[in-house]
Amino acid sequence: MRSSMSSWWGASGALDSGGGVAGASDGGSGLSGGGGLATAGLGVAGAGDSGSGASGAGGLAPEGAAAPGGPGEPAAPSGSAGPGAPDGNGGALGTPGRPGRPGAPGASGAGADAGPDVSHTEGAGGGRRDDYRGLCIHTVTTKPWPIETAIERYARAGIGGITVWRDALTERSAEATGRRIRDAGLEVVSLCRGGFFPSVDRDERERALEENRAAVQEAAALGAPLVVLVCGADPRQPLAQSRKQIVEGIEALAPFAARCGVKLGIEPLHPMYADTRSAIVTLRQAREACEAVAAANVGVVVDVYHIWWDPDLELELGKLGADRIFAYHICDWRVPTEHMLTDRGIMGEGCIPLRQIDRRIRRVGFAGFEEVEIFSTRLWNQDQDEVLGRILAAWEPAVAG
């Protein structure tokens, strides 16, 4: 099998701070062979899916028994929802409604045991801001914390949702972890990640599809309604061929995912990752892939870090509409950026026009969470309670202020 996804995360599932450079293999990990999927424990977990941007002219104007209807596919997990059935979080397949914000009290305290002090966070208008139920945090954002700590801290702060990265589930039961999340009052928003479909090798493509089915099963067990797809690319073939294989892979995966009650979200990455991480690098390409697959459970993930530079951003958001935007990731682009993979910023620390993008995505009717996804060795080396507190303080002023 060509390069394992553990090359981004290391054998233990930790994000490889070595990262990579555009057009080259990722830290010597063998990604120049086209990217791939881990087979030991983590599956497709762990690829940092970041990407840089540049302001452009125009700016923002296990394989189991065969399942019915799919020879060789694993059976849908016991108790999983069928197409159009509840997704495990109380909703049907489709874009979730944005959580309400009726003013839940914020947590306060000091020290590691108390969690972040958010009792005096101010909103954009200068008033007290202590309701974070429209906010979701990715476990990779506070990567030094084990998932049990992340769940407790996010819940204590009044945060509404959590997106789980697959490395956080290492040596843990997805089903038990999902129960723990819901018992804490959090919503499981998605599972990161699947993808990496293309290869010049047919056997590699089959193994990728098997691993993506495993990711879907894990999402169903966790109670996650969505698997985020970083779609991959193989530099040994033209990008158009990689995009064709991405569509073919998602077409093969989508029926099984629907039987499990799981959606698939195509995340376009910045063009500098077109060598190995994604042949889909614009919202237009992601939308066209969705249209080619033509499945109700296939949509797009909008990550501001990857698409803020796109002069067609507003047009493409409008063409997608709320029905096809499955998730919305936020962070910021630091200037100067010191590392292409692990130097994202907290909202307000950089140059992404977050308020403008937020207005536009809300204008088309998206009503889901704002998901904070930050890869940053700088922040991972700091006190995580303090980092979470800064994220909470920055959220509303920077994004919706």
Protein backbone atom coordinates (compact mmCIF):
# COMPACT_ATOMS: atom_id res chain seq x y z
CA MET A 1 0.00 0.00 0.00
CA ARG A 2 1.31 3.45 -0.76
CA SER A 3 1.92 5.86 2.07
CA SER A 4 -0.09 5.33 5.23
CA MET A 5 -2.09 8.17 6.71
CA SER A 6 -0.12 7.52 9.88
CA SER A 7 2.67 9.37 8.07
CA TRP A 8 0.84 12.58 8.91
CA TRP A 9 0.07 11.47 12.44
CA GLY A 10 2.87 9.11 13.35
CA ALA A 11 2.36 5.57 14.51
CA SER A 12 0.61 6.75 17.66
CA GLY A 13 -1.84 8.96 15.81
CA ALA A 14 -0.18 12.24 16.82
CA LEU A 15 -0.11 14.98 14.22
CA ASP A 16 3.26 15.07 12.51
CA SER A 17 4.56 18.55 13.15
CA GLY A 18 7.02 18.01 10.35
CA GLY A 19 4.19 18.73 7.96
CA GLY A 20 5.18 19.10 4.36
CA VAL A 21 5.77 21.51 1.56
CA ALA A 22 3.76 21.98 -1.58
CA GLY A 23 4.89 19.81 -4.42
CA ALA A 24 7.05 17.60 -2.23
CA SER A 25 6.56 14.51 -0.13
CA ASP A 26 5.24 15.19 3.35
CA GLY A 27 8.16 15.18 5.75
CA GLY A 28 9.69 12.26 3.90
CA SER A 29 6.67 10.17 4.71
CA GLY A 30 6.13 8.87 1.23
CA LEU A 31 3.08 10.98 0.43
CA SER A 32 4.63 11.73 -2.94
CA GLY A 33 3.42 8.27 -3.80
CA GLY A 34 -0.07 9.66 -3.80
CA GLY A 35 -1.26 9.67 -0.21
CA GLY A 36 -3.07 6.75 1.31
CA LEU A 37 -4.92 5.22 4.17
CA ALA A 38 -3.72 3.72 7.40
CA THR A 39 -4.76 0.16 8.04
CA ALA A 40 -3.67 -0.31 11.62
CA GLY A 41 -6.09 1.07 14.14
CA LEU A 42 -6.44 4.63 12.90
CA GLY A 43 -7.76 3.98 9.44
CA VAL A 44 -7.97 7.21 7.52
CA ALA A 45 -7.53 9.25 10.65
CA GLY A 46 -5.23 12.06 11.17
CA ALA A 47 -4.36 13.90 8.02
CA GLY A 48 -4.03 17.53 8.82
CA ASP A 49 -6.12 19.08 6.14
CA SER A 50 -4.88 22.58 6.34
CA GLY A 51 -3.87 24.78 3.50
CA SER A 52 -2.69 28.27 2.94
CA GLY A 53 -4.38 30.99 1.03
CA ALA A 54 -3.43 34.11 -0.79
CA SER A 55 -5.62 37.09 -1.34
CA GLY A 56 -6.36 37.19 -5.01
CA ALA A 57 -7.53 39.94 -7.25
CA GLY A 58 -11.28 39.92 -7.00
CA GLY A 59 -11.22 38.72 -3.40
CA LEU A 60 -14.58 37.75 -2.04
CA ALA A 61 -17.06 39.64 -4.55
CA PRO A 62 -13.50 -4.07 9.04
CA GLU A 63 -15.00 -5.63 6.20
CA GLY A 64 -17.98 -7.69 7.39
CA ALA A 65 -20.78 -9.60 5.79
CA ALA A 66 -22.10 -8.30 2.53
CA ALA A 67 -24.79 -5.69 2.97
CA PRO A 68 -27.94 -5.75 0.90
CA GLY A 69 -27.46 -4.03 -2.42
CA GLY A 70 -23.66 -3.95 -2.19
CA PRO A 71 -21.60 -7.08 -2.77
CA GLY A 72 -18.50 -7.11 -0.66
CA GLU A 73 -19.63 -4.21 1.52
CA PRO A 74 -19.72 -4.59 5.30
CA ALA A 75 -23.13 -4.71 6.87
CA ALA A 76 -24.45 -1.52 8.37
CA PRO A 77 -23.86 -1.41 12.14
CA SER A 78 -26.60 -2.82 14.30
CA GLY A 79 -29.10 -0.15 15.19
CA SER A 80 -27.82 2.32 12.60
CA ALA A 81 -30.26 4.47 10.76
CA GLY A 82 -31.34 3.88 7.22
CA PRO A 83 -31.63 6.51 4.53
CA GLY A 84 -33.51 9.53 5.75
CA ALA A 85 -33.69 8.13 9.28
CA PRO A 86 -32.47 9.93 12.39
CA ASP A 87 -28.73 10.45 12.41
CA GLY A 88 -28.13 9.65 16.06
CA ASN A 89 -28.32 13.27 17.12
CA GLY A 90 -32.04 13.72 16.75
CA GLY A 91 -32.06 14.89 13.15
CA ALA A 92 -32.50 13.39 9.72
CA LEU A 93 -29.90 13.40 7.00
CA GLY A 94 -29.36 16.97 5.90
CA THR A 95 -28.02 20.20 7.28
CA PRO A 96 -28.55 20.49 11.03
CA GLY A 97 -30.40 23.44 12.45
CA ARG A 98 -28.22 25.98 14.12
CA PRO A 99 -28.35 25.61 17.89
CA GLY A 100 -30.25 28.26 19.80
CA ARG A 101 -28.52 30.72 22.04
CA PRO A 102 -30.91 31.57 24.86
CA GLY A 103 -28.14 32.63 27.24
CA ALA A 104 -26.82 29.59 29.02
CA PRO A 105 -24.50 30.58 31.86
CA GLY A 106 -20.81 30.34 31.12
CA ALA A 107 -18.32 28.41 33.17
CA SER A 108 -15.75 30.15 35.29
CA GLY A 109 -12.80 29.17 37.35
CA ALA A 110 -9.04 28.93 37.25
CA GLY A 111 -6.44 26.25 36.93
CA ALA A 112 -6.46 22.92 35.14
CA ASP A 113 -9.30 21.51 37.18
CA ALA A 114 -11.58 24.48 36.70
CA GLY A 115 -11.30 24.78 32.94
CA PRO A 116 -11.23 28.05 31.01
CA ASP A 117 -12.63 31.17 32.62
CA VAL A 118 -15.34 32.37 30.27
CA SER A 119 -17.47 34.20 32.79
CA HIS A 120 -16.53 37.64 31.48
CA THR A 121 -16.24 37.04 27.77
CA GLU A 122 -17.64 39.95 25.81
CA GLY A 123 -19.55 39.79 22.58
CA ALA A 124 -19.23 41.99 19.54
CA GLY A 125 -21.41 44.70 21.03
CA GLY A 126 -19.36 44.88 24.22
CA GLY A 127 -21.95 42.95 26.24
CA ARG A 128 -21.32 39.78 28.17
CA ARG A 129 -21.03 36.71 25.99
CA ASP A 130 -21.59 33.42 27.77
CA ASP A 131 -23.51 31.16 25.39
CA TYR A 132 -21.48 28.97 23.08
CA ARG A 133 -24.09 26.49 21.93
CA GLY A 134 -23.58 27.50 18.31
CA LEU A 135 -19.89 26.64 18.60
CA CYS A 136 -18.22 23.29 17.92
CA ILE A 137 -14.61 22.46 18.71
CA HIS A 138 -12.56 19.83 16.88
CA THR A 139 -10.58 17.54 19.16
CA VAL A 140 -7.47 18.30 17.10
CA THR A 141 -7.74 21.94 18.19
CA THR A 142 -6.90 20.91 21.76
CA LYS A 143 -4.85 17.91 20.67
CA PRO A 144 -2.81 17.55 23.91
CA TRP A 145 -6.01 16.68 25.78
CA PRO A 146 -7.30 13.11 25.68
CA ILE A 147 -10.85 13.06 24.41
CA GLU A 148 -12.24 12.51 27.91
CA THR A 149 -10.69 15.80 29.04
CA ALA A 150 -11.85 17.59 25.91
CA ILE A 151 -15.42 16.43 26.46
CA GLU A 152 -15.42 17.62 30.06
CA ARG A 153 -13.85 21.00 29.27
CA TYR A 154 -16.03 21.74 26.26
CA ALA A 155 -19.18 20.85 28.17
CA ARG A 156 -18.18 22.89 31.21
CA ALA A 157 -17.65 25.92 29.01
CA GLY A 158 -21.14 25.57 27.53
CA ILE A 159 -19.93 24.68 24.03
CA GLY A 160 -22.60 22.98 21.95
CA GLY A 161 -20.75 20.53 19.73
CA ILE A 162 -17.65 18.41 19.23
CA THR A 163 -16.10 17.04 16.06
CA VAL A 164 -14.01 13.96 16.78
CA TRP A 165 -10.79 13.19 14.97
CA ARG A 166 -10.25 9.48 14.58
CA ASP A 167 -6.88 9.47 16.34
CA ALA A 168 -8.72 10.60 19.50
CA LEU A 169 -10.58 7.26 19.47
CA THR A 170 -7.44 5.12 19.55
CA GLU A 171 -7.92 2.19 21.95
CA ARG A 172 -11.39 3.48 22.79
CA SER A 173 -14.89 2.30 21.96
CA ALA A 174 -16.55 4.70 19.53
CA GLU A 175 -19.96 3.72 20.87
CA ALA A 176 -18.97 4.34 24.50
CA THR A 177 -17.29 7.61 23.58
CA GLY A 178 -20.42 8.76 21.78
CA ARG A 179 -22.51 8.03 24.87
CA ARG A 180 -20.03 9.96 26.99
CA ILE A 181 -20.28 12.96 24.67
CA ARG A 182 -24.07 12.99 24.71
CA ASP A 183 -24.22 12.43 28.48
CA ALA A 184 -22.08 15.57 28.84
CA GLY A 185 -24.66 17.54 26.86
CA LEU A 186 -22.58 17.90 23.68
CA GLU A 187 -23.68 17.12 20.14
CA VAL A 188 -21.45 14.91 17.98
CA VAL A 189 -21.14 17.06 14.87
CA SER A 190 -18.88 14.95 12.67
CA LEU A 191 -16.01 12.49 12.42
CA CYS A 192 -12.74 13.49 10.76
CA ARG A 193 -11.82 12.01 8.45
CA GLY A 194 -12.16 9.74 5.43
CA GLY A 195 -11.12 10.13 1.83
CA PHE A 196 -7.89 9.54 -0.11
CA PHE A 197 -9.61 7.69 -2.93
CA PRO A 198 -7.27 8.16 -5.93
CA SER A 199 -4.43 5.89 -6.99
CA VAL A 200 -2.94 4.54 -10.17
CA ASP A 201 -3.17 1.13 -8.47
CA ARG A 202 -6.62 -0.51 -8.54
CA ASP A 203 -5.86 -2.52 -5.38
CA GLU A 204 -4.96 0.70 -3.58
CA ARG A 205 -8.30 2.19 -4.55
CA GLU A 206 -10.13 -0.89 -3.24
CA ARG A 207 -8.25 -0.70 0.06
CA ALA A 208 -9.12 2.99 0.31
CA LEU A 209 -12.79 2.18 -0.18
CA GLU A 210 -12.64 -0.51 2.52
CA GLU A 211 -11.04 1.96 4.93
CA ASN A 212 -13.67 4.56 4.18
CA ARG A 213 -16.40 2.02 4.95
CA ALA A 214 -14.66 1.44 8.28
CA ALA A 215 -14.72 5.19 8.92
CA VAL A 216 -18.45 5.28 8.18
CA GLN A 217 -19.03 2.39 10.59
CA GLU A 218 -17.04 4.22 13.24
CA ALA A 219 -19.08 7.37 12.70
CA ALA A 220 -22.31 5.41 13.04
CA ALA A 221 -21.09 3.83 16.28
CA LEU A 222 -20.05 7.23 17.61
CA GLY A 223 -23.34 8.79 16.61
CA ALA A 224 -21.70 11.23 14.20
CA PRO A 225 -23.99 12.20 11.32
CA LEU A 226 -21.12 13.19 9.02
CA VAL A 227 -17.74 11.94 7.86
CA VAL A 228 -15.51 14.69 6.50
CA LEU A 229 -13.66 13.64 3.34
CA VAL A 230 -10.18 14.87 2.45
CA CYS A 231 -10.30 13.34 -0.96
CA GLY A 232 -6.65 12.74 -1.87
CA ALA A 233 -4.64 12.89 -5.08
CA ASP A 234 -1.99 10.79 -6.78
CA PRO A 235 0.82 12.79 -8.42
CA ARG A 236 1.55 9.82 -10.69
CA GLN A 237 -1.52 10.69 -12.73
CA PRO A 238 -3.28 13.84 -13.99
CA LEU A 239 -5.46 15.74 -11.53
CA ALA A 240 -8.49 15.14 -13.74
CA GLN A 241 -7.99 11.39 -13.36
CA SER A 242 -7.70 11.75 -9.58
CA ARG A 243 -10.94 13.73 -9.54
CA LYS A 244 -12.64 11.04 -11.61
CA GLN A 245 -11.51 8.40 -9.10
CA ILE A 246 -12.74 10.55 -6.21
CA VAL A 247 -16.20 10.66 -7.74
CA GLU A 248 -16.11 6.89 -8.38
CA GLY A 249 -15.03 6.24 -4.79
CA ILE A 250 -17.75 8.40 -3.29
CA GLU A 251 -20.36 6.88 -5.61
CA ALA A 252 -19.38 3.44 -4.30
CA LEU A 253 -19.35 4.59 -0.67
CA ALA A 254 -22.49 6.73 -0.53
CA PRO A 255 -25.14 3.94 -0.54
CA PHE A 256 -23.46 2.16 2.37
CA ALA A 257 -23.10 5.45 4.25
CA ALA A 258 -26.79 6.19 3.70
CA ARG A 259 -27.76 2.80 5.14
CA CYS A 260 -25.69 3.71 8.20
CA GLY A 261 -27.38 7.11 8.50
CA VAL A 262 -24.11 8.91 7.74
CA LYS A 263 -23.47 11.82 5.39
CA LEU A 264 -20.26 12.39 3.44
CA GLY A 265 -18.81 15.89 3.22
CA ILE A 266 -16.30 16.72 0.47
CA GLU A 267 -13.81 19.26 1.77
CA PRO A 268 -11.93 21.21 -0.90
CA LEU A 269 -8.36 22.00 0.10
CA HIS A 270 -6.14 24.87 -0.91
CA PRO A 271 -4.48 24.29 -4.31
CA MET A 272 -1.04 23.87 -2.76
CA TYR A 273 -2.25 20.47 -1.56
CA ALA A 274 -3.17 19.28 -5.03
CA ASP A 275 -0.07 17.07 -5.18
CA THR A 276 -1.13 14.40 -2.69
CA ARG A 277 -3.88 15.58 -0.36
CA SER A 278 -6.69 16.68 -2.61
CA ALA A 279 -7.34 17.01 -6.32
CA ILE A 280 -10.44 18.96 -5.29
CA VAL A 281 -9.20 22.46 -4.51
CA THR A 282 -12.16 24.80 -5.07
CA LEU A 283 -15.79 24.95 -4.01
CA ARG A 284 -16.73 24.64 -7.68
CA GLN A 285 -14.88 21.34 -8.00
CA ALA A 286 -16.47 20.09 -4.77
CA ARG A 287 -19.92 21.10 -6.00
CA GLU A 288 -19.36 19.43 -9.37
CA ALA A 289 -18.28 16.23 -7.61
CA CYS A 290 -21.50 16.33 -5.55
CA GLU A 291 -23.55 16.82 -8.68
CA ALA A 292 -21.78 13.92 -10.38
CA VAL A 293 -22.45 11.59 -7.44
CA ALA A 294 -26.04 12.86 -7.12
CA ALA A 295 -26.69 11.32 -3.69
CA ALA A 296 -28.70 13.07 -1.02
CA ASN A 297 -26.15 12.23 1.66
CA VAL A 298 -23.19 13.78 -0.20
CA GLY A 299 -22.39 17.45 0.28
CA VAL A 300 -19.58 19.93 0.87
CA VAL A 301 -17.56 21.06 3.87
CA VAL A 302 -16.60 24.74 3.81
CA ASP A 303 -13.30 25.44 5.58
CA VAL A 304 -12.36 29.11 5.50
CA TYR A 305 -8.65 28.28 5.67
CA HIS A 306 -8.86 26.64 2.26
CA ILE A 307 -11.36 28.77 0.35
CA TRP A 308 -11.10 32.37 1.58
CA TRP A 309 -8.95 33.37 -1.40
CA ASP A 310 -11.43 32.15 -4.02
CA PRO A 311 -12.87 35.01 -6.12
CA ASP A 312 -15.89 32.79 -6.89
CA LEU A 313 -16.64 32.05 -3.25
CA GLU A 314 -19.91 33.96 -3.01
CA LEU A 315 -21.15 32.57 -6.33
CA GLU A 316 -20.34 28.98 -5.34
CA LEU A 317 -21.91 29.27 -1.90
CA GLY A 318 -25.08 30.41 -3.61
CA LYS A 319 -25.01 27.49 -6.04
CA LEU A 320 -24.50 25.02 -3.22
CA GLY A 321 -27.20 26.42 -0.97
CA ALA A 322 -27.92 25.25 2.53
CA ASP A 323 -28.89 21.72 1.46
CA ARG A 324 -25.40 20.90 0.19
CA ILE A 325 -23.29 22.69 2.80
CA PHE A 326 -22.83 20.06 5.47
CA ALA A 327 -20.23 21.75 7.70
CA TYR A 328 -18.46 25.06 8.23
CA HIS A 329 -14.93 25.21 9.69
CA ILE A 330 -13.30 28.37 11.02
CA CYS A 331 -9.86 29.55 12.16
CA ASP A 332 -7.51 32.22 10.82
CA TRP A 333 -4.52 32.64 8.50
CA ARG A 334 -1.55 34.08 10.39
CA VAL A 335 0.76 36.58 8.70
CA PRO A 336 3.47 35.58 8.20
CA THR A 337 2.58 31.93 8.26
CA GLU A 338 5.48 29.88 9.55
CA HIS A 339 4.29 26.38 8.63
CA MET A 340 1.89 25.29 5.92
CA LEU A 341 0.25 22.61 8.07
CA THR A 342 0.52 23.51 11.74
CA ASP A 343 0.38 27.30 12.03
CA ARG A 344 -3.30 28.16 11.88
CA GLY A 345 -4.49 30.98 14.10
CA ILE A 346 -7.35 31.66 16.45
CA MET A 347 -10.05 33.77 14.85
CA GLY A 348 -8.94 37.39 14.71
CA GLU A 349 -5.22 36.58 14.64
CA GLY A 350 -4.92 36.71 10.87
CA CYS A 351 -6.20 38.04 7.57
CA ILE A 352 -9.19 35.84 6.65
CA PRO A 353 -12.31 38.04 6.22
CA LEU A 354 -14.27 35.89 8.67
CA ARG A 355 -17.24 38.20 9.17
CA GLN A 356 -17.75 38.60 5.43
CA ILE A 357 -17.61 34.84 4.83
CA ASP A 358 -19.92 34.18 7.78
CA ARG A 359 -22.51 36.63 6.46
CA ARG A 360 -22.41 34.99 3.05
CA ILE A 361 -22.71 31.43 4.28
CA ARG A 362 -25.61 32.41 6.55
CA ARG A 363 -27.24 34.32 3.69
CA VAL A 364 -27.60 31.10 1.68
CA GLY A 365 -29.39 29.50 4.63
CA PHE A 366 -26.70 27.45 6.37
CA ALA A 367 -27.79 27.09 10.00
CA GLY A 368 -25.22 24.69 11.44
CA PHE A 369 -22.35 25.00 13.87
CA GLU A 370 -19.28 27.17 13.49
CA GLU A 371 -16.57 24.55 13.95
CA VAL A 372 -13.18 25.64 15.25
CA GLU A 373 -10.47 23.53 13.59
CA ILE A 374 -6.97 24.77 14.40
CA PHE A 375 -3.74 22.93 13.70
CA SER A 376 -1.03 24.78 15.61
CA THR A 377 2.11 23.52 17.31
CA ARG A 378 2.37 26.97 18.86
CA LEU A 379 -1.00 26.56 20.57
CA TRP A 380 -0.53 22.87 21.37
CA ASN A 381 2.55 23.84 23.40
CA GLN A 382 0.52 26.24 25.53
CA ASP A 383 -1.88 25.66 28.42
CA GLN A 384 -4.97 24.19 26.75
CA ASP A 385 -7.42 25.74 29.20
CA GLU A 386 -6.02 29.15 28.34
CA VAL A 387 -6.16 28.35 24.62
CA LEU A 388 -9.81 27.31 24.88
CA GLY A 389 -10.61 30.47 26.79
CA ARG A 390 -9.02 32.58 24.05
CA ILE A 391 -11.01 30.75 21.39
CA LEU A 392 -14.23 31.46 23.24
CA ALA A 393 -13.35 35.11 23.71
CA ALA A 394 -12.46 35.50 20.03
CA TRP A 395 -15.37 33.63 18.47
CA GLU A 396 -18.24 36.10 18.27
CA PRO A 397 -16.24 39.35 17.90
CA ALA A 398 -14.09 37.97 15.10
CA VAL A 399 -16.70 35.98 13.20
CA ALA A 400 -20.09 37.56 13.74
CA GLY A 401 -19.23 40.94 15.23
